[in-house]
C-alpha atoms as a PDB file:
ATOM      1  CA  MET A   1      97.921 223.820 224.586  1.00  0.00           C
ATOM      2  CA  ARG A   2      96.475 220.303 224.613  1.00  0.00           C
ATOM      3  CA  PRO A   3      95.717 218.588 227.909  1.00  0.00           C
ATOM      4  CA  LEU A   4      98.219 216.018 229.138  1.00  0.00           C
ATOM      5  CA  ILE A   5      97.238 212.620 230.530  1.00  0.00           C
ATOM      6  CA  ALA A   6     100.200 210.937 232.217  1.00  0.00           C
ATOM      7  CA  GLY A   7     100.383 207.444 233.670  1.00  0.00           C
ATOM      8  CA  ASN A   8     103.030 206.816 236.333  1.00  0.00           C
ATOM      9  CA  TRP A   9     103.558 203.070 236.571  1.00  0.00           C
ATOM     10  CA  LYS A  10     105.641 203.405 239.750  1.00  0.00           C
ATOM     11  CA  MET A  11     107.411 200.130 240.701  1.00  0.00           C
ATOM     12  CA  ASN A  12     105.101 197.822 238.789  1.00  0.00           C
ATOM     13  CA  THR A  13     105.148 195.242 235.967  1.00  0.00           C
ATOM     14  CA  LEU A  14     107.921 193.361 234.161  1.00  0.00           C
ATOM     15  CA  SER A  15     109.131 193.601 230.570  1.00  0.00           C
ATOM     16  CA  GLU A  16     106.495 191.344 229.007  1.00  0.00           C
ATOM     17  CA  GLY A  17     103.639 193.113 230.733  1.00  0.00           C
ATOM     18  CA  ALA A  18     105.101 196.528 229.966  1.00  0.00           C
ATOM     19  CA  VAL A  19     105.314 195.821 226.250  1.00  0.00           C
ATOM     20  CA  GLU A  20     101.824 194.319 226.240  1.00  0.00           C
ATOM     21  CA  LEU A  21     100.285 197.266 228.085  1.00  0.00           C
ATOM     22  CA  SER A  22     102.018 199.963 226.064  1.00  0.00           C
ATOM     23  CA  GLY A  23     101.251 198.113 222.836  1.00  0.00           C
ATOM     24  CA  ALA A  24      97.578 197.948 223.771  1.00  0.00           C
ATOM     25  CA  LEU A  25      97.535 201.701 224.370  1.00  0.00           C
ATOM     26  CA  VAL A  26      99.166 202.337 221.004  1.00  0.00           C
ATOM     27  CA  GLY A  27      96.630 200.046 219.342  1.00  0.00           C
ATOM     28  CA  LEU A  28      93.753 201.873 220.986  1.00  0.00           C
ATOM     29  CA  CYS A  29      95.069 205.192 219.697  1.00  0.00           C
ATOM     30  CA  ARG A  30      95.222 203.813 216.176  1.00  0.00           C
ATOM     31  CA  GLU A  31      91.696 202.440 216.381  1.00  0.00           C
ATOM     32  CA  GLU A  32      90.068 205.459 217.990  1.00  0.00           C
ATOM     33  CA  GLY A  33      92.078 208.251 216.363  1.00  0.00           C
ATOM     34  CA  ASP A  34      93.177 211.465 218.058  1.00  0.00           C
ATOM     35  CA  PRO A  35      92.433 211.158 221.791  1.00  0.00           C
ATOM     36  CA  GLY A  36      92.198 214.941 222.149  1.00  0.00           C
ATOM     37  CA  ALA A  37      95.045 215.005 224.653  1.00  0.00           C
ATOM     38  CA  ASP A  38      98.746 214.258 224.766  1.00  0.00           C
ATOM     39  CA  LEU A  39      99.424 210.828 226.259  1.00  0.00           C
ATOM     40  CA  LEU A  40     102.435 209.941 228.399  1.00  0.00           C
ATOM     41  CA  ILE A  41     103.489 206.769 230.174  1.00  0.00           C
ATOM     42  CA  CYS A  42     106.282 206.573 232.742  1.00  0.00           C
ATOM     43  CA  PRO A  43     107.417 202.987 233.370  1.00  0.00           C
ATOM     44  CA  PRO A  44     110.234 201.923 235.720  1.00  0.00           C
ATOM     45  CA  GLY A  45     113.705 202.817 234.486  1.00  0.00           C
ATOM     46  CA  VAL A  46     114.763 199.297 233.539  1.00  0.00           C
ATOM     47  CA  LEU A  47     111.781 199.055 231.173  1.00  0.00           C
ATOM     48  CA  LEU A  48     112.328 202.311 229.284  1.00  0.00           C
ATOM     49  CA  HIS A  49     114.089 200.774 226.293  1.00  0.00           C
ATOM     50  CA  SER A  50     111.472 198.037 225.868  1.00  0.00           C
ATOM     51  CA  VAL A  51     108.591 200.468 226.100  1.00  0.00           C
ATOM     52  CA  ALA A  52     110.339 202.971 223.819  1.00  0.00           C
ATOM     53  CA  SER A  53     110.320 200.363 221.065  1.00  0.00           C
ATOM     54  CA  ALA A  54     106.660 199.554 221.697  1.00  0.00           C
ATOM     55  CA  VAL A  55     105.475 203.179 221.429  1.00  0.00           C
ATOM     56  CA  ALA A  56     107.842 204.340 218.670  1.00  0.00           C
ATOM     57  CA  GLY A  57     106.019 206.282 215.966  1.00  0.00           C
ATOM     58  CA  SER A  58     102.811 206.497 218.013  1.00  0.00           C
ATOM     59  CA  PRO A  59     101.099 209.397 219.824  1.00  0.00           C
ATOM     60  CA  VAL A  60     102.197 207.906 223.154  1.00  0.00           C
ATOM     61  CA  ALA A  61     105.161 209.721 224.702  1.00  0.00           C
ATOM     62  CA  LEU A  62     107.645 208.129 227.088  1.00  0.00           C
ATOM     63  CA  GLY A  63     108.786 209.528 230.408  1.00  0.00           C
ATOM     64  CA  ALA A  64     110.966 208.541 233.349  1.00  0.00           C
ATOM     65  CA  GLN A  65     109.958 208.583 237.000  1.00  0.00           C
ATOM     66  CA  ASP A  66     113.064 210.395 238.256  1.00  0.00           C
ATOM     67  CA  CYS A  67     116.568 211.468 237.268  1.00  0.00           C
ATOM     68  CA  HIS A  68     119.843 212.296 238.977  1.00  0.00           C
ATOM     69  CA  PRO A  69     120.831 215.977 238.786  1.00  0.00           C
ATOM     70  CA  ASP A  70     124.471 215.351 237.825  1.00  0.00           C
ATOM     71  CA  ASP A  71     125.746 214.573 234.343  1.00  0.00           C
ATOM     72  CA  PHE A  72     127.830 211.463 235.073  1.00  0.00           C
ATOM     73  CA  GLY A  73     129.814 210.127 238.015  1.00  0.00           C
ATOM     74  CA  ALA A  74     130.013 207.742 240.939  1.00  0.00           C
ATOM     75  CA  HIS A  75     126.334 207.544 241.869  1.00  0.00           C
ATOM     76  CA  THR A  76     125.558 203.850 242.191  1.00  0.00           C
ATOM     77  CA  GLY A  77     122.037 202.945 241.164  1.00  0.00           C
ATOM     78  CA  ASP A  78     121.160 206.359 239.753  1.00  0.00           C
ATOM     79  CA  ILE A  79     120.242 207.334 236.190  1.00  0.00           C
ATOM     80  CA  ASN A  80     120.996 210.776 234.802  1.00  0.00           C
ATOM     81  CA  ALA A  81     118.970 212.894 232.407  1.00  0.00           C
ATOM     82  CA  ALA A  82     121.257 212.169 229.450  1.00  0.00           C
ATOM     83  CA  MET A  83     120.692 208.420 229.866  1.00  0.00           C
ATOM     84  CA  ILE A  84     116.953 208.951 230.080  1.00  0.00           C
ATOM     85  CA  ALA A  85     116.888 211.078 226.942  1.00  0.00           C
ATOM     86  CA  ASP A  86     119.061 208.484 225.203  1.00  0.00           C
ATOM     87  CA  ALA A  87     116.464 205.837 226.084  1.00  0.00           C
ATOM     88  CA  GLY A  88     113.851 207.803 224.145  1.00  0.00           C
ATOM     89  CA  CYS A  89     112.175 209.818 226.886  1.00  0.00           C
ATOM     90  CA  SER A  90     110.689 213.255 226.362  1.00  0.00           C
ATOM     91  CA  HIS A  91     109.526 213.796 229.960  1.00  0.00           C
ATOM     92  CA  VAL A  92     110.842 213.262 233.499  1.00  0.00           C
ATOM     93  CA  ILE A  93     108.858 213.287 236.739  1.00  0.00           C
ATOM     94  CA  VAL A  94     110.720 215.077 239.539  1.00  0.00           C
ATOM     95  CA  GLY A  95     109.762 215.725 243.142  1.00  0.00           C
ATOM     96  CA  HIS A  96     107.087 213.043 243.388  1.00  0.00           C
ATOM     97  CA  SER A  97     105.779 212.816 246.936  1.00  0.00           C
ATOM     98  CA  GLU A  98     107.118 209.274 247.260  1.00  0.00           C
ATOM     99  CA  ARG A  99     110.598 210.494 246.331  1.00  0.00           C
ATOM    100  CA  ARG A 100     110.273 213.338 248.817  1.00  0.00           C
ATOM    101  CA  SER A 101     109.092 211.059 251.631  1.00  0.00           C
ATOM    102  CA  ASP A 102     110.977 207.812 250.905  1.00  0.00           C
ATOM    103  CA  HIS A 103     114.287 209.416 249.927  1.00  0.00           C
ATOM    104  CA  GLY A 104     114.169 212.728 251.781  1.00  0.00           C
ATOM    105  CA  GLU A 105     114.302 214.829 248.624  1.00  0.00           C
ATOM    106  CA  ASN A 106     113.904 218.565 249.191  1.00  0.00           C
ATOM    107  CA  ASP A 107     112.948 221.442 246.927  1.00  0.00           C
ATOM    108  CA  GLU A 108     116.565 222.316 246.136  1.00  0.00           C
ATOM    109  CA  LEU A 109     117.273 218.809 244.859  1.00  0.00           C
ATOM    110  CA  VAL A 110     114.036 218.753 242.879  1.00  0.00           C
ATOM    111  CA  ARG A 111     114.985 222.051 241.254  1.00  0.00           C
ATOM    112  CA  SER A 112     118.370 220.610 240.253  1.00  0.00           C
ATOM    113  CA  LYS A 113     116.709 217.553 238.741  1.00  0.00           C
ATOM    114  CA  ALA A 114     114.274 219.691 236.759  1.00  0.00           C
ATOM    115  CA  ALA A 115     117.162 221.790 235.460  1.00  0.00           C
ATOM    116  CA  ALA A 116     118.984 218.608 234.426  1.00  0.00           C
ATOM    117  CA  ALA A 117     115.919 217.491 232.472  1.00  0.00           C
ATOM    118  CA  HIS A 118     115.736 220.884 230.772  1.00  0.00           C
ATOM    119  CA  GLY A 119     119.419 220.585 229.908  1.00  0.00           C
ATOM    120  CA  GLN A 120     118.589 217.474 227.890  1.00  0.00           C
ATOM    121  CA  GLU A 121     115.642 219.229 226.214  1.00  0.00           C
ATOM    122  CA  MET A 122     113.119 217.154 228.113  1.00  0.00           C
ATOM    123  CA  ILE A 123     109.966 218.306 229.858  1.00  0.00           C
ATOM    124  CA  ALA A 124     110.143 218.286 233.658  1.00  0.00           C
ATOM    125  CA  ILE A 125     106.950 217.337 235.484  1.00  0.00           C
ATOM    126  CA  ILE A 126     107.459 219.011 238.851  1.00  0.00           C
ATOM    127  CA  CYS A 127     105.282 217.578 241.627  1.00  0.00           C
ATOM    128  CA  VAL A 128     103.990 219.528 244.608  1.00  0.00           C
ATOM    129  CA  GLY A 129     101.384 218.797 247.253  1.00  0.00           C
ATOM    130  CA  GLU A 130     100.519 218.782 250.919  1.00  0.00           C
ATOM    131  CA  THR A 131     100.138 216.055 253.530  1.00  0.00           C
ATOM    132  CA  LEU A 132      96.894 215.385 255.379  1.00  0.00           C
ATOM    133  CA  GLU A 133      98.240 217.140 258.458  1.00  0.00           C
ATOM    134  CA  GLN A 134      99.105 220.217 256.425  1.00  0.00           C
ATOM    135  CA  ARG A 135      95.685 220.291 254.780  1.00  0.00           C
ATOM    136  CA  ASP A 136      93.879 219.920 258.099  1.00  0.00           C
ATOM    137  CA  ALA A 137      96.008 222.773 259.460  1.00  0.00           C
ATOM    138  CA  GLY A 138      94.953 225.020 256.581  1.00  0.00           C
ATOM    139  CA  GLU A 139      98.479 225.127 255.165  1.00  0.00           C
ATOM    140  CA  THR A 140      97.785 223.777 251.667  1.00  0.00           C
ATOM    141  CA  LEU A 141      98.353 226.975 249.705  1.00  0.00           C
ATOM    142  CA  ALA A 142     101.400 227.949 251.756  1.00  0.00           C
ATOM    143  CA  VAL A 143     102.992 224.527 251.234  1.00  0.00           C
ATOM    144  CA  VAL A 144     102.328 224.562 247.500  1.00  0.00           C
ATOM    145  CA  SER A 145     103.684 228.111 247.234  1.00  0.00           C
ATOM    146  CA  ARG A 146     106.875 227.142 249.037  1.00  0.00           C
ATOM    147  CA  GLN A 147     107.397 224.023 246.947  1.00  0.00           C
ATOM    148  CA  ILE A 148     106.869 225.845 243.655  1.00  0.00           C
ATOM    149  CA  ALA A 149     109.208 228.652 244.674  1.00  0.00           C
ATOM    150  CA  GLY A 150     111.910 226.166 245.640  1.00  0.00           C
ATOM    151  CA  SER A 151     111.426 223.497 242.977  1.00  0.00           C
ATOM    152  CA  VAL A 152     110.943 225.400 239.709  1.00  0.00           C
ATOM    153  CA  PRO A 153     114.340 226.255 238.184  1.00  0.00           C
ATOM    154  CA  ASP A 154     115.397 229.327 236.273  1.00  0.00           C
ATOM    155  CA  GLY A 155     114.767 228.779 232.598  1.00  0.00           C
ATOM    156  CA  ALA A 156     111.442 227.039 233.162  1.00  0.00           C
ATOM    157  CA  THR A 157     108.962 227.770 230.381  1.00  0.00           C
ATOM    158  CA  ALA A 158     105.478 226.730 229.367  1.00  0.00           C
ATOM    159  CA  THR A 159     106.983 224.298 226.875  1.00  0.00           C
ATOM    160  CA  ASN A 160     109.560 222.579 229.100  1.00  0.00           C
ATOM    161  CA  THR A 161     107.697 222.460 232.407  1.00  0.00           C
ATOM    162  CA  VAL A 162     104.525 220.847 233.719  1.00  0.00           C
ATOM    163  CA  ILE A 163     103.473 221.257 237.348  1.00  0.00           C
ATOM    164  CA  ALA A 164     101.508 218.466 238.988  1.00  0.00           C
ATOM    165  CA  TYR A 165      99.435 218.944 242.121  1.00  0.00           C
ATOM    166  CA  GLU A 166      99.421 215.656 243.991  1.00  0.00           C
ATOM    167  CA  PRO A 167      97.909 215.941 247.459  1.00  0.00           C
ATOM    168  CA  VAL A 168      99.737 213.284 249.449  1.00  0.00           C
ATOM    169  CA  TRP A 169      96.585 212.447 251.379  1.00  0.00           C
ATOM    170  CA  ALA A 170      94.807 211.460 248.137  1.00  0.00           C
ATOM    171  CA  ILE A 171      97.386 209.009 246.794  1.00  0.00           C
ATOM    172  CA  GLY A 172      96.377 205.401 247.299  1.00  0.00           C
ATOM    173  CA  THR A 173      94.136 206.243 250.246  1.00  0.00           C
ATOM    174  CA  GLY A 174      90.740 206.225 248.605  1.00  0.00           C
ATOM    175  CA  ARG A 175      90.203 209.810 249.747  1.00  0.00           C
ATOM    176  CA  THR A 176      89.393 212.096 246.867  1.00  0.00           C
ATOM    177  CA  PRO A 177      89.517 215.902 246.806  1.00  0.00           C
ATOM    178  CA  THR A 178      86.580 217.686 245.261  1.00  0.00           C
ATOM    179  CA  ILE A 179      86.836 219.409 241.909  1.00  0.00           C
ATOM    180  CA  GLU A 180      86.542 222.677 243.807  1.00  0.00           C
ATOM    181  CA  GLN A 181      89.501 221.816 246.052  1.00  0.00           C
ATOM    182  CA  VAL A 182      91.700 220.905 243.095  1.00  0.00           C
ATOM    183  CA  GLY A 183      90.548 223.990 241.206  1.00  0.00           C
ATOM    184  CA  GLU A 184      91.413 226.250 244.129  1.00  0.00           C
ATOM    185  CA  VAL A 185      94.948 224.884 244.284  1.00  0.00           C
ATOM    186  CA  HIS A 186      95.403 225.023 240.508  1.00  0.00           C
ATOM    187  CA  ASP A 187      94.274 228.657 240.471  1.00  0.00           C
ATOM    188  CA  HIS A 188      96.753 229.409 243.235  1.00  0.00           C
ATOM    189  CA  MET A 189      99.529 227.575 241.402  1.00  0.00           C
ATOM    190  CA  ARG A 190      98.829 229.591 238.265  1.00  0.00           C
ATOM    191  CA  ALA A 191      99.050 232.813 240.249  1.00  0.00           C
ATOM    192  CA  ILE A 192     102.325 231.763 241.885  1.00  0.00           C
ATOM    193  CA  ILE A 193     104.091 230.917 238.628  1.00  0.00           C
ATOM    194  CA  THR A 194     102.982 234.152 236.982  1.00  0.00           C
ATOM    195  CA  GLY A 195     106.120 236.252 236.912  1.00  0.00           C
ATOM    196  CA  LYS A 196     108.310 233.205 237.507  1.00  0.00           C
ATOM    197  CA  ILE A 197     107.591 231.485 234.196  1.00  0.00           C
ATOM    198  CA  ASP A 198     107.062 233.278 230.903  1.00  0.00           C
ATOM    199  CA  ASP A 199     103.602 232.662 229.449  1.00  0.00           C
ATOM    200  CA  ALA A 200     102.507 231.166 232.760  1.00  0.00           C
ATOM    201  CA  GLY A 201      98.947 230.948 231.491  1.00  0.00           C
ATOM    202  CA  SER A 202     100.031 228.216 229.082  1.00  0.00           C
ATOM    203  CA  VAL A 203     101.824 226.024 231.639  1.00  0.00           C
ATOM    204  CA  ARG A 204     100.047 222.702 231.907  1.00  0.00           C
ATOM    205  CA  LEU A 205      98.843 221.824 235.400  1.00  0.00           C
ATOM    206  CA  LEU A 206      98.083 218.233 236.350  1.00  0.00           C
ATOM    207  CA  TYR A 207      96.252 216.539 239.185  1.00  0.00           C
ATOM    208  CA  GLY A 208      97.715 213.334 240.556  1.00  0.00           C
ATOM    209  CA  GLY A 209      95.781 211.390 243.149  1.00  0.00           C
ATOM    210  CA  SER A 210      92.669 209.326 243.775  1.00  0.00           C
ATOM    211  CA  MET A 211      89.665 209.822 241.506  1.00  0.00           C
ATOM    212  CA  ASN A 212      86.030 208.727 241.490  1.00  0.00           C
END
């Protein structure tokens, strides 16, 4: 399976800048040819339709940064998986550390969101990772194990699920884990999902955090 390079725009840019940036990426792909990896961008929800038009027919896939687990209902301000798919998305990020910390999301909720994405035939990018305190306490592998066990839904496969390791202590801090540290966690993640996901060896694993 090809590598995946995903860009999470978080709460940044407006419509004009979003179209310009995504258009530039599409243009680069056309000029340079096959990038050798699948490309994904995840803009803020209100920009999905604009960006969908800009990347249509290109190698650049579109994803959302979150989704509500329910189909429809009285959930002011939320966007469900059906709406996201309707906007042209093929991927949804769930369980990002900022959602877990800022909104108190737990593994059970993340699992429900991933299942909702699967129900709309989208790929769920399930995020896991430890805080600085947990790493310093030697709890990294235990935390990642617990989050994977609680966040990956039944029905997850190598084609509908990506798991992203995002150490919280390496997001926007300038601190960067070594390749060996990331590799150790990825190896552990692969071992944990074996038996939980069919063809676990083909599940794509991402790293999300600071880089040098």
